């Protein structure tokens, strides 16, 4: 008979990993209480530590997004200026023609 795999929520994994990282209780104690294998807890504990550098990379992606937004704004301002000049020219020409 096939045994169904248990699925854990990200919140549960984070709670167990943080508890293991704090070191208040041993991984074996946490494993027996949560009915998990100690190796699984060790893997969950390592995941946030290896991905910690991405926390600091997010600042650069925000700056890149701001740069793109500034370029887009400058482009739109140039377009507004161009259209303003064209409208003024058309007004002048329509007055000359008496329209």
N, C-alpha and C. Protein backbone atom coordinates (compact mmCIF):
# COMPACT_ATOMS: atom_id res chain seq x y z
N UNK A 1 0.84 -1.17 0.00
CA UNK A 1 0.00 0.00 0.00
C UNK A 1 0.90 1.24 0.00
N UNK A 2 0.53 2.20 -0.84
CA UNK A 2 1.32 3.41 -0.99
C UNK A 2 0.95 4.43 0.07
N UNK A 3 1.97 5.03 0.67
CA UNK A 3 1.76 6.04 1.70
C UNK A 3 1.74 7.43 1.05
N UNK A 4 0.77 8.24 1.42
CA UNK A 4 0.68 9.60 0.88
C UNK A 4 1.77 10.49 1.48
N UNK A 5 2.32 11.34 0.63
CA UNK A 5 3.34 12.27 1.10
C UNK A 5 2.67 13.43 1.83
N UNK A 6 3.32 13.87 2.88
CA UNK A 6 2.81 15.03 3.59
C UNK A 6 3.30 16.29 2.89
N UNK A 7 2.45 17.30 2.86
CA UNK A 7 2.81 18.57 2.25
C UNK A 7 2.78 19.63 3.35
N UNK A 8 3.85 20.44 3.38
CA UNK A 8 3.97 21.45 4.41
C UNK A 8 3.86 22.85 3.80
N UNK A 9 3.20 23.72 4.51
CA UNK A 9 3.05 25.09 4.03
C UNK A 9 4.36 25.85 4.21
N UNK A 10 4.58 26.88 3.43
CA UNK A 10 5.78 27.70 3.62
C UNK A 10 5.86 28.31 5.02
N UNK A 11 4.72 28.63 5.60
CA UNK A 11 4.71 29.19 6.95
C UNK A 11 5.22 28.18 7.98
N UNK A 12 4.79 26.94 7.81
CA UNK A 12 5.23 25.88 8.72
C UNK A 12 6.74 25.67 8.59
N UNK A 13 7.21 25.59 7.34
CA UNK A 13 8.65 25.39 7.10
C UNK A 13 9.45 26.54 7.70
N UNK A 14 8.97 27.76 7.52
CA UNK A 14 9.69 28.93 8.05
C UNK A 14 9.73 28.89 9.57
N UNK A 15 8.61 28.52 10.18
CA UNK A 15 8.57 28.47 11.65
C UNK A 15 9.56 27.43 12.18
N UNK A 16 9.57 26.26 11.57
CA UNK A 16 10.47 25.19 12.01
C UNK A 16 11.92 25.59 11.76
N UNK A 17 12.20 26.17 10.59
CA UNK A 17 13.57 26.57 10.26
C UNK A 17 14.08 27.65 11.21
N UNK A 18 13.23 28.63 11.52
CA UNK A 18 13.65 29.68 12.45
C UNK A 18 13.87 29.14 13.85
N UNK A 19 13.02 28.22 14.25
CA UNK A 19 13.19 27.61 15.56
C UNK A 19 14.52 26.85 15.64
N UNK A 20 14.86 26.16 14.56
CA UNK A 20 16.12 25.42 14.52
C UNK A 20 17.30 26.39 14.48
N UNK A 21 17.15 27.49 13.76
CA UNK A 21 18.25 28.46 13.64
C UNK A 21 18.51 29.18 14.95
N UNK A 22 17.46 29.39 15.73
CA UNK A 22 17.64 30.07 17.02
C UNK A 22 18.48 29.24 17.98
N UNK A 23 18.35 27.92 17.90
CA UNK A 23 19.17 27.04 18.71
C UNK A 23 18.69 26.88 20.14
N UNK A 24 17.47 27.27 20.44
CA UNK A 24 16.94 27.11 21.79
C UNK A 24 16.77 25.63 22.11
N UNK A 25 16.29 24.88 21.11
CA UNK A 25 16.16 23.43 21.25
C UNK A 25 16.98 22.77 20.17
N UNK A 26 17.33 21.55 20.37
CA UNK A 26 18.11 20.83 19.37
C UNK A 26 17.21 20.44 18.20
N UNK A 27 17.85 20.16 17.07
CA UNK A 27 17.11 19.73 15.89
C UNK A 27 16.39 18.42 16.17
N UNK A 28 16.99 17.55 16.93
CA UNK A 28 16.36 16.26 17.27
C UNK A 28 15.08 16.47 18.09
N UNK A 29 15.12 17.42 19.01
CA UNK A 29 13.93 17.70 19.81
C UNK A 29 12.80 18.25 18.94
N UNK A 30 13.15 19.17 18.05
CA UNK A 30 12.16 19.75 17.15
C UNK A 30 11.59 18.66 16.24
N UNK A 31 12.47 17.81 15.73
CA UNK A 31 12.05 16.74 14.81
C UNK A 31 11.07 15.78 15.48
N UNK A 32 11.35 15.39 16.72
CA UNK A 32 10.45 14.45 17.40
C UNK A 32 9.11 15.11 17.71
N UNK A 33 9.12 16.39 18.05
CA UNK A 33 7.87 17.09 18.36
C UNK A 33 7.02 17.29 17.11
N UNK A 34 7.64 17.64 16.00
CA UNK A 34 6.92 17.93 14.76
C UNK A 34 6.75 16.68 13.88
N UNK A 35 7.28 15.55 14.31
CA UNK A 35 7.24 14.29 13.57
C UNK A 35 7.88 14.44 12.18
N UNK A 36 9.10 14.99 12.19
CA UNK A 36 9.89 15.17 10.98
C UNK A 36 11.23 14.49 11.16
N UNK A 37 11.94 14.31 10.06
CA UNK A 37 13.29 13.76 10.12
C UNK A 37 14.25 14.93 10.37
N UNK A 38 15.25 14.75 11.21
CA UNK A 38 16.20 15.83 11.49
C UNK A 38 16.91 16.37 10.24
N UNK A 39 17.14 15.52 9.26
CA UNK A 39 17.79 15.96 8.03
C UNK A 39 16.90 16.97 7.29
N UNK A 40 15.59 16.72 7.31
CA UNK A 40 14.66 17.63 6.66
C UNK A 40 14.70 19.00 7.32
N UNK A 41 14.75 19.03 8.62
CA UNK A 41 14.82 20.30 9.34
C UNK A 41 16.12 21.02 9.02
N UNK A 42 17.21 20.27 8.93
CA UNK A 42 18.50 20.88 8.58
C UNK A 42 18.46 21.51 7.19
N UNK A 43 17.80 20.84 6.24
CA UNK A 43 17.67 21.40 4.89
C UNK A 43 16.86 22.68 4.92
N UNK A 44 15.75 22.67 5.65
CA UNK A 44 14.91 23.86 5.74
C UNK A 44 15.66 25.00 6.42
N UNK A 45 16.51 24.65 7.37
CA UNK A 45 17.28 25.66 8.09
C UNK A 45 18.30 26.33 7.16
N UNK A 46 18.88 25.59 6.23
CA UNK A 46 19.90 26.12 5.32
C UNK A 46 19.30 27.00 4.22
N UNK A 47 18.09 26.73 3.80
CA UNK A 47 17.48 27.45 2.67
C UNK A 47 17.44 28.96 2.87
N UNK A 48 16.95 29.49 3.99
CA UNK A 48 16.94 30.95 4.13
C UNK A 48 18.34 31.55 4.21
N UNK A 49 19.28 30.77 4.74
CA UNK A 49 20.64 31.29 4.86
C UNK A 49 21.31 31.41 3.50
N UNK A 50 21.05 30.46 2.60
CA UNK A 50 21.67 30.52 1.27
C UNK A 50 20.99 31.57 0.40
N UNK A 51 19.73 31.87 0.66
CA UNK A 51 19.01 32.86 -0.13
C UNK A 51 19.06 34.25 0.47
N UNK A 52 19.82 34.44 1.53
CA UNK A 52 19.85 35.74 2.21
C UNK A 52 20.42 36.85 1.34
N UNK A 53 21.29 36.52 0.39
CA UNK A 53 21.88 37.56 -0.45
C UNK A 53 20.84 38.22 -1.35
N UNK A 54 19.77 37.51 -1.67
CA UNK A 54 18.73 38.10 -2.53
C UNK A 54 18.00 39.24 -1.83
N UNK A 55 18.01 39.26 -0.51
CA UNK A 55 17.38 40.35 0.22
C UNK A 55 18.08 41.66 -0.12
N UNK A 56 19.38 41.62 -0.24
CA UNK A 56 20.13 42.83 -0.52
C UNK A 56 20.15 43.17 -2.01
N UNK A 57 19.86 42.21 -2.87
CA UNK A 57 19.79 42.47 -4.30
C UNK A 57 18.53 43.21 -4.68
N UNK A 58 17.50 43.10 -3.88
CA UNK A 58 16.22 43.74 -4.22
C UNK A 58 16.37 45.25 -4.31
N UNK A 59 17.29 45.84 -3.56
CA UNK A 59 17.51 47.27 -3.64
C UNK A 59 17.98 47.68 -5.02
N UNK A 60 18.85 46.89 -5.64
CA UNK A 60 19.33 47.23 -6.97
C UNK A 60 18.22 47.09 -8.00
N UNK A 61 17.33 46.14 -7.82
CA UNK A 61 16.23 46.00 -8.78
C UNK A 61 15.26 47.16 -8.64
N UNK A 62 15.12 47.69 -7.44
CA UNK A 62 14.26 48.87 -7.25
C UNK A 62 14.89 50.06 -7.96
N UNK A 63 16.21 50.21 -7.82
CA UNK A 63 16.89 51.32 -8.50
C UNK A 63 16.77 51.18 -10.00
N UNK A 64 16.89 49.97 -10.53
CA UNK A 64 16.74 49.75 -11.97
C UNK A 64 15.34 50.13 -12.43
N UNK A 65 14.35 49.80 -11.64
CA UNK A 65 12.97 50.14 -11.97
C UNK A 65 12.79 51.66 -11.97
N UNK A 66 13.42 52.34 -11.01
CA UNK A 66 13.34 53.80 -10.95
C UNK A 66 14.01 54.42 -12.17
N UNK A 67 15.14 53.87 -12.60
CA UNK A 67 15.83 54.38 -13.78
C UNK A 67 14.95 54.25 -15.02
N UNK A 68 14.29 53.13 -15.16
CA UNK A 68 13.41 52.91 -16.30
C UNK A 68 12.25 53.90 -16.25
N UNK A 69 11.70 54.13 -15.07
CA UNK A 69 10.58 55.06 -14.92
C UNK A 69 11.02 56.49 -15.25
N UNK A 70 12.23 56.87 -14.82
CA UNK A 70 12.74 58.21 -15.13
C UNK A 70 12.96 58.39 -16.62
N UNK A 71 13.48 57.38 -17.29
CA UNK A 71 13.68 57.45 -18.74
C UNK A 71 12.34 57.58 -19.46
N UNK A 72 11.37 56.82 -19.01
CA UNK A 72 10.04 56.87 -19.63
C UNK A 72 9.42 58.24 -19.42
N UNK A 73 9.58 58.81 -18.22
CA UNK A 73 9.04 60.13 -17.94
C UNK A 73 9.70 61.19 -18.82
N UNK A 74 11.01 61.12 -18.98
CA UNK A 74 11.72 62.08 -19.83
C UNK A 74 11.25 61.97 -21.28
N UNK A 75 11.04 60.75 -21.74
CA UNK A 75 10.56 60.53 -23.10
C UNK A 75 9.17 61.14 -23.28
N UNK A 76 8.30 60.95 -22.31
CA UNK A 76 6.95 61.50 -22.39
C UNK A 76 6.97 63.03 -22.34
N UNK A 77 7.86 63.59 -21.53
CA UNK A 77 7.97 65.05 -21.47
C UNK A 77 8.44 65.62 -22.81
N UNK A 78 9.36 64.95 -23.47
CA UNK A 78 9.80 65.39 -24.80
C UNK A 78 8.65 65.34 -25.79
N UNK A 79 7.86 64.27 -25.71
CA UNK A 79 6.71 64.13 -26.61
C UNK A 79 5.70 65.24 -26.36
N UNK A 80 5.44 65.57 -25.11
CA UNK A 80 4.52 66.66 -24.77
C UNK A 80 5.03 67.98 -25.35
N UNK A 81 6.33 68.21 -25.21
CA UNK A 81 6.92 69.43 -25.77
C UNK A 81 6.75 69.49 -27.28
N UNK A 82 7.00 68.39 -27.94
CA UNK A 82 6.87 68.33 -29.40
C UNK A 82 5.42 68.59 -29.81
N UNK A 83 4.47 67.98 -29.14
CA UNK A 83 3.07 68.17 -29.48
C UNK A 83 2.61 69.60 -29.20
N UNK A 84 3.14 70.21 -28.15
CA UNK A 84 2.80 71.60 -27.84
C UNK A 84 3.27 72.52 -28.96
N UNK A 85 4.48 72.29 -29.44
CA UNK A 85 5.00 73.09 -30.54
C UNK A 85 4.14 72.90 -31.78
N UNK A 86 3.74 71.69 -32.08
CA UNK A 86 2.91 71.42 -33.25
C UNK A 86 1.54 72.09 -33.14
N UNK A 87 0.92 72.05 -31.96
CA UNK A 87 -0.38 72.68 -31.76
C UNK A 87 -0.26 74.20 -31.93
N UNK A 88 0.79 74.78 -31.36
CA UNK A 88 1.00 76.22 -31.51
C UNK A 88 1.16 76.60 -32.98
N UNK A 89 1.91 75.80 -33.72
CA UNK A 89 2.13 76.07 -35.15
C UNK A 89 0.82 75.99 -35.92
N UNK A 90 0.01 74.96 -35.59
CA UNK A 90 -1.28 74.80 -36.27
C UNK A 90 -2.22 75.97 -35.94
N UNK A 91 -2.22 76.45 -34.71
CA UNK A 91 -3.05 77.60 -34.35
C UNK A 91 -2.64 78.83 -35.16
N UNK A 92 -1.34 79.03 -35.26
CA UNK A 92 -0.81 80.19 -36.00
C UNK A 92 -1.23 80.10 -37.47
N UNK A 93 -1.08 78.94 -38.07
CA UNK A 93 -1.44 78.75 -39.47
C UNK A 93 -2.94 78.92 -39.70
N UNK A 94 -3.76 78.41 -38.76
CA UNK A 94 -5.21 78.53 -38.93
C UNK A 94 -5.65 79.99 -38.83
N UNK A 95 -4.99 80.80 -38.00
CA UNK A 95 -5.29 82.23 -37.90
C UNK A 95 -4.90 82.94 -39.18
N UNK A 96 -3.75 82.54 -39.75
CA UNK A 96 -3.29 83.17 -40.99
C UNK A 96 -4.27 82.90 -42.14
N UNK A 97 -4.85 81.70 -42.12
CA UNK A 97 -5.79 81.33 -43.18
C UNK A 97 -7.22 81.80 -42.88
N UNK A 98 -7.43 82.30 -41.66
CA UNK A 98 -8.74 82.80 -41.29
C UNK A 98 -9.74 81.73 -40.94
N UNK A 99 -9.25 80.62 -40.45
CA UNK A 99 -10.17 79.52 -40.09
C UNK A 99 -10.59 79.59 -38.66
